[in-house]
Amino acid sequence: MIAVALSVVLAKAAVYQPLGWGPDQFSPVGVGIRPVNQFGDYRYDYYVPPQRGVFTFVVSIRNNGSRPVLIEGLRVDALAVRLAGPVRYTTAFYTGNAPVSNQLPSESPVLHNVTLGAGKSVAIGISLRTAQCAARDGWTSIPSFFVMERFLFFTHTVALPWSMAGGALIMHTPGGHPGTGAICAPR
């Protein structure tokens, strides 16, 4: 009986993935970034033009489960964008101490091995960088970012969209140089 009960518990723990979008949608901070494909709130994609500097998405993540999980980190698997610094987080939005803007303070802690309790939310600041120029005739879509979570000794990677409504980042394919017909970020 004990072996059967233990195997049931381990089987449930092995598939426990409670992370999902949290209660808030924040506006991205960058040059020319705007929402697109807003068909009846079914989707909410973001067009991201080439950027010269860093731009930031602040996303809200919630533990929808009944047990705490450990968020080990976050990654973006895309050729069109790359992380531009450490991923930071805050719980201030959910404790009544929210900052005035929707950007995380630069002194926010780095997202690494953070325990997120059952029913709790966290705001995560993802700083990104694009190529300065992109091809006019090519498009790419980045549907999600990835959060690595651990429960007991099981590790899972959860793909989360860039908006609460399942949105992606829509971008021109990186490439080209100024003066060659490419779309380049303004100086």
C-alpha atoms as a PDB file:
ATOM      1  CA  MET A   1       0.000   0.000   0.000  1.00  0.00           C
ATOM      2  CA  ILE A   2       2.802   2.404   0.862  1.00  0.00           C
ATOM      3  CA  ALA A   3       4.585   1.684  -2.436  1.00  0.00           C
ATOM      4  CA  VAL A   4       1.374   2.287  -4.383  1.00  0.00           C
ATOM      5  CA  ALA A   5       0.669   5.548  -2.529  1.00  0.00           C
ATOM      6  CA  LEU A   6       4.254   6.719  -3.055  1.00  0.00           C
ATOM      7  CA  SER A   7       4.127   5.919  -6.772  1.00  0.00           C
ATOM      8  CA  VAL A   8       0.862   7.881  -7.142  1.00  0.00           C
ATOM      9  CA  VAL A   9       2.345  10.889  -5.336  1.00  0.00           C
ATOM     10  CA  LEU A  10       5.511  10.766  -7.444  1.00  0.00           C
ATOM     11  CA  ALA A  11       3.512  10.438 -10.658  1.00  0.00           C
ATOM     12  CA  LYS A  12       1.480  13.536  -9.753  1.00  0.00           C
ATOM     13  CA  ALA A  13       4.624  15.461  -8.748  1.00  0.00           C
ATOM     14  CA  ALA A  14       6.321  14.556 -12.021  1.00  0.00           C
ATOM     15  CA  VAL A  15       3.653  16.380 -14.054  1.00  0.00           C
ATOM     16  CA  TYR A  16       2.924  19.261 -11.666  1.00  0.00           C
ATOM     17  CA  GLN A  17       3.263  22.480 -13.703  1.00  0.00           C
ATOM     18  CA  PRO A  18       1.187  25.195 -12.034  1.00  0.00           C
ATOM     19  CA  LEU A  19       2.767  28.314 -13.559  1.00  0.00           C
ATOM     20  CA  GLY A  20       0.665  30.476 -15.835  1.00  0.00           C
ATOM     21  CA  TRP A  21      -0.047  34.099 -16.610  1.00  0.00           C
ATOM     22  CA  GLY A  22      -0.738  36.241 -13.596  1.00  0.00           C
ATOM     23  CA  PRO A  23      -3.407  38.858 -12.973  1.00  0.00           C
ATOM     24  CA  ASP A  24      -1.756  41.788 -14.779  1.00  0.00           C
ATOM     25  CA  GLN A  25      -0.740  42.855 -18.285  1.00  0.00           C
ATOM     26  CA  PHE A  26       1.964  45.532 -18.428  1.00  0.00           C
ATOM     27  CA  SER A  27       2.881  47.699 -21.416  1.00  0.00           C
ATOM     28  CA  PRO A  28       6.310  46.981 -22.914  1.00  0.00           C
ATOM     29  CA  VAL A  29       8.912  49.738 -22.772  1.00  0.00           C
ATOM     30  CA  GLY A  30      10.749  50.315 -26.061  1.00  0.00           C
ATOM     31  CA  VAL A  31      10.761  52.400 -29.241  1.00  0.00           C
ATOM     32  CA  GLY A  32       7.795  51.821 -31.552  1.00  0.00           C
ATOM     33  CA  ILE A  33       6.520  48.662 -29.833  1.00  0.00           C
ATOM     34  CA  ARG A  34       2.778  48.414 -30.261  1.00  0.00           C
ATOM     35  CA  PRO A  35      -0.023  45.860 -29.911  1.00  0.00           C
ATOM     36  CA  VAL A  36      -1.237  44.202 -33.127  1.00  0.00           C
ATOM     37  CA  ASN A  37      -3.657  41.418 -34.063  1.00  0.00           C
ATOM     38  CA  GLN A  38      -6.190  42.355 -31.410  1.00  0.00           C
ATOM     39  CA  PHE A  39      -9.096  40.446 -32.894  1.00  0.00           C
ATOM     40  CA  GLY A  40     -11.804  40.647 -30.246  1.00  0.00           C
ATOM     41  CA  ASP A  41      -9.237  40.127 -27.474  1.00  0.00           C
ATOM     42  CA  TYR A  42      -8.637  36.635 -28.847  1.00  0.00           C
ATOM     43  CA  ARG A  43      -4.931  37.443 -29.314  1.00  0.00           C
ATOM     44  CA  TYR A  44      -2.757  40.326 -28.306  1.00  0.00           C
ATOM     45  CA  ASP A  45       0.524  40.216 -30.228  1.00  0.00           C
ATOM     46  CA  TYR A  46       3.210  42.895 -30.093  1.00  0.00           C
ATOM     47  CA  TYR A  47       5.044  44.310 -33.106  1.00  0.00           C
ATOM     48  CA  VAL A  48       8.667  44.985 -32.159  1.00  0.00           C
ATOM     49  CA  PRO A  49      10.629  47.074 -34.703  1.00  0.00           C
ATOM     50  CA  PRO A  50      14.447  46.973 -34.733  1.00  0.00           C
ATOM     51  CA  GLN A  51      15.831  48.616 -31.593  1.00  0.00           C
ATOM     52  CA  ARG A  52      19.168  50.340 -30.950  1.00  0.00           C
ATOM     53  CA  GLY A  53      18.934  49.865 -27.219  1.00  0.00           C
ATOM     54  CA  VAL A  54      17.407  47.550 -24.701  1.00  0.00           C
ATOM     55  CA  PHE A  55      13.636  47.168 -24.440  1.00  0.00           C
ATOM     56  CA  THR A  56      11.701  45.553 -21.613  1.00  0.00           C
ATOM     57  CA  PHE A  57       8.665  43.355 -21.219  1.00  0.00           C
ATOM     58  CA  VAL A  58       7.232  43.036 -17.729  1.00  0.00           C
ATOM     59  CA  VAL A  59       5.128  39.897 -17.424  1.00  0.00           C
ATOM     60  CA  SER A  60       2.975  38.644 -14.602  1.00  0.00           C
ATOM     61  CA  ILE A  61       3.331  34.997 -13.570  1.00  0.00           C
ATOM     62  CA  ARG A  62       1.121  33.186 -11.079  1.00  0.00           C
ATOM     63  CA  ASN A  63       1.404  29.856  -9.307  1.00  0.00           C
ATOM     64  CA  ASN A  64      -2.058  28.418  -9.932  1.00  0.00           C
ATOM     65  CA  GLY A  65      -1.269  25.280  -7.990  1.00  0.00           C
ATOM     66  CA  SER A  66      -1.731  24.217  -4.393  1.00  0.00           C
ATOM     67  CA  ARG A  67       2.000  23.826  -3.618  1.00  0.00           C
ATOM     68  CA  PRO A  68       4.957  26.189  -3.886  1.00  0.00           C
ATOM     69  CA  VAL A  69       7.369  25.831  -6.797  1.00  0.00           C
ATOM     70  CA  LEU A  70      10.907  27.039  -7.316  1.00  0.00           C
ATOM     71  CA  ILE A  71      11.449  29.263 -10.374  1.00  0.00           C
ATOM     72  CA  GLU A  72      14.985  28.452 -11.455  1.00  0.00           C
ATOM     73  CA  GLY A  73      15.184  30.982 -14.274  1.00  0.00           C
ATOM     74  CA  LEU A  74      13.851  32.235 -17.590  1.00  0.00           C
ATOM     75  CA  ARG A  75      15.140  32.025 -21.157  1.00  0.00           C
ATOM     76  CA  VAL A  76      14.219  33.204 -24.635  1.00  0.00           C
ATOM     77  CA  ASP A  77      14.984  30.798 -27.477  1.00  0.00           C
ATOM     78  CA  ALA A  78      14.947  32.986 -30.576  1.00  0.00           C
ATOM     79  CA  LEU A  79      17.395  34.307 -33.143  1.00  0.00           C
ATOM     80  CA  ALA A  80      15.559  37.630 -33.511  1.00  0.00           C
ATOM     81  CA  VAL A  81      15.912  38.662 -29.830  1.00  0.00           C
ATOM     82  CA  ARG A  82      18.248  37.849 -27.003  1.00  0.00           C
ATOM     83  CA  LEU A  83      18.339  38.604 -23.313  1.00  0.00           C
ATOM     84  CA  ALA A  84      20.079  41.915 -22.606  1.00  0.00           C
ATOM     85  CA  GLY A  85      20.891  41.436 -18.974  1.00  0.00           C
ATOM     86  CA  PRO A  86      19.672  39.592 -15.943  1.00  0.00           C
ATOM     87  CA  VAL A  87      15.974  38.818 -15.630  1.00  0.00           C
ATOM     88  CA  ARG A  88      14.627  40.610 -12.555  1.00  0.00           C
ATOM     89  CA  TYR A  89      11.476  40.204 -10.486  1.00  0.00           C
ATOM     90  CA  THR A  90       9.355  41.899  -7.862  1.00  0.00           C
ATOM     91  CA  THR A  91       6.347  41.012  -5.764  1.00  0.00           C
ATOM     92  CA  ALA A  92       5.695  44.699  -4.951  1.00  0.00           C
ATOM     93  CA  PHE A  93       2.803  44.855  -7.426  1.00  0.00           C
ATOM     94  CA  TYR A  94       0.992  42.228  -5.351  1.00  0.00           C
ATOM     95  CA  THR A  95       1.759  43.462  -1.847  1.00  0.00           C
ATOM     96  CA  GLY A  96       0.414  47.020  -2.148  1.00  0.00           C
ATOM     97  CA  ASN A  97       3.891  48.536  -2.634  1.00  0.00           C
ATOM     98  CA  ALA A  98       3.779  48.838  -6.434  1.00  0.00           C
ATOM     99  CA  PRO A  99       6.204  51.213  -8.133  1.00  0.00           C
ATOM    100  CA  VAL A 100       4.739  54.281  -9.849  1.00  0.00           C
ATOM    101  CA  SER A 101       5.519  53.015 -13.378  1.00  0.00           C
ATOM    102  CA  ASN A 102       5.177  49.572 -14.904  1.00  0.00           C
ATOM    103  CA  GLN A 103       8.955  49.096 -14.991  1.00  0.00           C
ATOM    104  CA  LEU A 104      10.780  47.155 -12.344  1.00  0.00           C
ATOM    105  CA  PRO A 105      13.307  49.137 -10.320  1.00  0.00           C
ATOM    106  CA  SER A 106      16.889  48.407 -11.420  1.00  0.00           C
ATOM    107  CA  GLU A 107      17.703  47.197  -7.913  1.00  0.00           C
ATOM    108  CA  SER A 108      15.076  44.429  -8.144  1.00  0.00           C
ATOM    109  CA  PRO A 109      16.559  41.002  -7.384  1.00  0.00           C
ATOM    110  CA  VAL A 110      17.652  38.657 -10.146  1.00  0.00           C
ATOM    111  CA  LEU A 111      15.205  35.845 -10.950  1.00  0.00           C
ATOM    112  CA  HIS A 112      17.130  32.752  -9.891  1.00  0.00           C
ATOM    113  CA  ASN A 113      15.838  30.023  -7.582  1.00  0.00           C
ATOM    114  CA  VAL A 114      12.860  32.049  -6.371  1.00  0.00           C
ATOM    115  CA  THR A 115      10.145  30.222  -4.446  1.00  0.00           C
ATOM    116  CA  LEU A 116       6.645  31.169  -5.567  1.00  0.00           C
ATOM    117  CA  GLY A 117       3.994  30.110  -3.105  1.00  0.00           C
ATOM    118  CA  ALA A 118       0.623  28.610  -3.995  1.00  0.00           C
ATOM    119  CA  GLY A 119      -1.701  31.271  -5.390  1.00  0.00           C
ATOM    120  CA  LYS A 120       1.061  33.925  -5.427  1.00  0.00           C
ATOM    121  CA  SER A 121       2.110  36.143  -8.329  1.00  0.00           C
ATOM    122  CA  VAL A 122       5.345  37.769  -9.363  1.00  0.00           C
ATOM    123  CA  ALA A 123       6.155  40.481 -11.924  1.00  0.00           C
ATOM    124  CA  ILE A 124       9.177  39.626 -14.046  1.00  0.00           C
ATOM    125  CA  GLY A 125      11.171  42.165 -16.074  1.00  0.00           C
ATOM    126  CA  ILE A 126      12.695  40.698 -19.235  1.00  0.00           C
ATOM    127  CA  SER A 127      15.255  43.008 -20.866  1.00  0.00           C
ATOM    128  CA  LEU A 128      15.766  42.185 -24.532  1.00  0.00           C
ATOM    129  CA  ARG A 129      17.830  43.315 -27.498  1.00  0.00           C
ATOM    130  CA  THR A 130      17.205  43.032 -31.255  1.00  0.00           C
ATOM    131  CA  ALA A 131      19.414  43.532 -34.264  1.00  0.00           C
ATOM    132  CA  GLN A 132      19.582  47.199 -35.327  1.00  0.00           C
ATOM    133  CA  CYS A 133      18.423  46.367 -38.857  1.00  0.00           C
ATOM    134  CA  ALA A 134      15.944  43.921 -40.329  1.00  0.00           C
ATOM    135  CA  ALA A 135      14.875  42.704 -43.773  1.00  0.00           C
ATOM    136  CA  ARG A 136      11.819  44.492 -45.174  1.00  0.00           C
ATOM    137  CA  ASP A 137      10.321  41.380 -46.718  1.00  0.00           C
ATOM    138  CA  GLY A 138      10.859  38.865 -43.948  1.00  0.00           C
ATOM    139  CA  TRP A 139       8.828  38.263 -40.799  1.00  0.00           C
ATOM    140  CA  THR A 140       9.338  36.154 -37.725  1.00  0.00           C
ATOM    141  CA  SER A 141       7.173  35.340 -34.737  1.00  0.00           C
ATOM    142  CA  ILE A 142       8.371  34.509 -31.240  1.00  0.00           C
ATOM    143  CA  PRO A 143       5.427  32.801 -29.545  1.00  0.00           C
ATOM    144  CA  SER A 144       6.771  32.420 -26.023  1.00  0.00           C
ATOM    145  CA  PHE A 145       9.455  32.708 -23.411  1.00  0.00           C
ATOM    146  CA  PHE A 146      10.393  29.781 -21.184  1.00  0.00           C
ATOM    147  CA  VAL A 147      10.301  29.539 -17.396  1.00  0.00           C
ATOM    148  CA  MET A 148      12.195  26.733 -15.696  1.00  0.00           C
ATOM    149  CA  GLU A 149      10.431  25.525 -12.554  1.00  0.00           C
ATOM    150  CA  ARG A 150      11.152  22.814 -10.030  1.00  0.00           C
ATOM    151  CA  PHE A 151       8.799  20.920  -7.751  1.00  0.00           C
ATOM    152  CA  LEU A 152      10.431  18.413  -5.421  1.00  0.00           C
ATOM    153  CA  PHE A 153      13.180  16.965  -7.621  1.00  0.00           C
ATOM    154  CA  PHE A 154      11.273  17.330 -10.923  1.00  0.00           C
ATOM    155  CA  THR A 155      12.230  20.164 -13.266  1.00  0.00           C
ATOM    156  CA  HIS A 156       9.922  21.422 -16.022  1.00  0.00           C
ATOM    157  CA  THR A 157      10.169  24.112 -18.646  1.00  0.00           C
ATOM    158  CA  VAL A 158       6.932  26.006 -19.168  1.00  0.00           C
ATOM    159  CA  ALA A 159       6.348  28.020 -22.359  1.00  0.00           C
ATOM    160  CA  LEU A 160       4.372  31.198 -21.651  1.00  0.00           C
ATOM    161  CA  PRO A 161       3.080  33.655 -24.273  1.00  0.00           C
ATOM    162  CA  TRP A 162       4.050  37.339 -24.283  1.00  0.00           C
ATOM    163  CA  SER A 163       0.555  38.506 -23.336  1.00  0.00           C
ATOM    164  CA  MET A 164      -2.367  37.263 -21.278  1.00  0.00           C
ATOM    165  CA  ALA A 165      -4.309  36.617 -24.484  1.00  0.00           C
ATOM    166  CA  GLY A 166      -1.689  34.242 -25.883  1.00  0.00           C
ATOM    167  CA  GLY A 167       0.251  36.822 -27.880  1.00  0.00           C
ATOM    168  CA  ALA A 168       3.594  36.574 -29.636  1.00  0.00           C
ATOM    169  CA  LEU A 169       6.329  39.020 -30.584  1.00  0.00           C
ATOM    170  CA  ILE A 170       6.031  39.854 -34.288  1.00  0.00           C
ATOM    171  CA  MET A 171       9.218  41.165 -35.881  1.00  0.00           C
ATOM    172  CA  HIS A 172      10.950  41.635 -39.195  1.00  0.00           C
ATOM    173  CA  THR A 173      13.662  39.021 -39.794  1.00  0.00           C
ATOM    174  CA  PRO A 174      17.016  40.394 -38.587  1.00  0.00           C
ATOM    175  CA  GLY A 175      19.499  41.342 -41.276  1.00  0.00           C
ATOM    176  CA  GLY A 176      20.742  44.029 -43.608  1.00  0.00           C
ATOM    177  CA  HIS A 177      22.631  47.245 -43.031  1.00  0.00           C
ATOM    178  CA  PRO A 178      21.726  50.939 -43.107  1.00  0.00           C
ATOM    179  CA  GLY A 179      21.409  52.234 -46.663  1.00  0.00           C
ATOM    180  CA  THR A 180      20.687  48.812 -48.195  1.00  0.00           C
ATOM    181  CA  GLY A 181      16.888  48.931 -48.111  1.00  0.00           C
ATOM    182  CA  ALA A 182      16.713  47.330 -44.694  1.00  0.00           C
ATOM    183  CA  ILE A 183      14.529  48.633 -41.866  1.00  0.00           C
ATOM    184  CA  CYS A 184      16.898  50.077 -39.281  1.00  0.00           C
ATOM    185  CA  ALA A 185      16.334  51.548 -35.828  1.00  0.00           C
ATOM    186  CA  PRO A 186      16.472  55.366 -35.790  1.00  0.00           C
ATOM    187  CA  ARG A 187      19.575  57.004 -34.375  1.00  0.00           C
END
